[in-house]
């Protein structure tokens, strides 16, 4: 099991940028495939971005492609989400998630059910 803590959320105007961080503790971070999800009020938790255990493979939801970039630093047990050109519809609580896996990609990875460990979330609010 790995413990996850997100940070970096806040209030930003449309068109602005934020960088979220996910700090991990516990087991070997490089053994974990990671992802970002988000959940807006009244909506289901949705996939945002995936990054493989090595960082060599990433993919994104169509709604954020070209605007968001995820990366990881295995030596420092951290994952990041750089969010640019933010829109009001990006407003949500953002979560990082982990699964002990060495996969570089899986159809299951788009579903929040696939992940075993979660952070507490960080609020991102984009004003128009």
Foldseek 3Di string as FASTA:
>chain_A
DKAKAKDWADEEAAQAKIKMKIAIDDDQQLQKKKFKWWDDPPGDIFGAKTAASVRPAMDGDPVQPPFWDKGADRVRRMIMIIGGRDDQVVWTWMKMFIDRHRDRDDPCVRDPVRTDYIHPTDTHGYHD
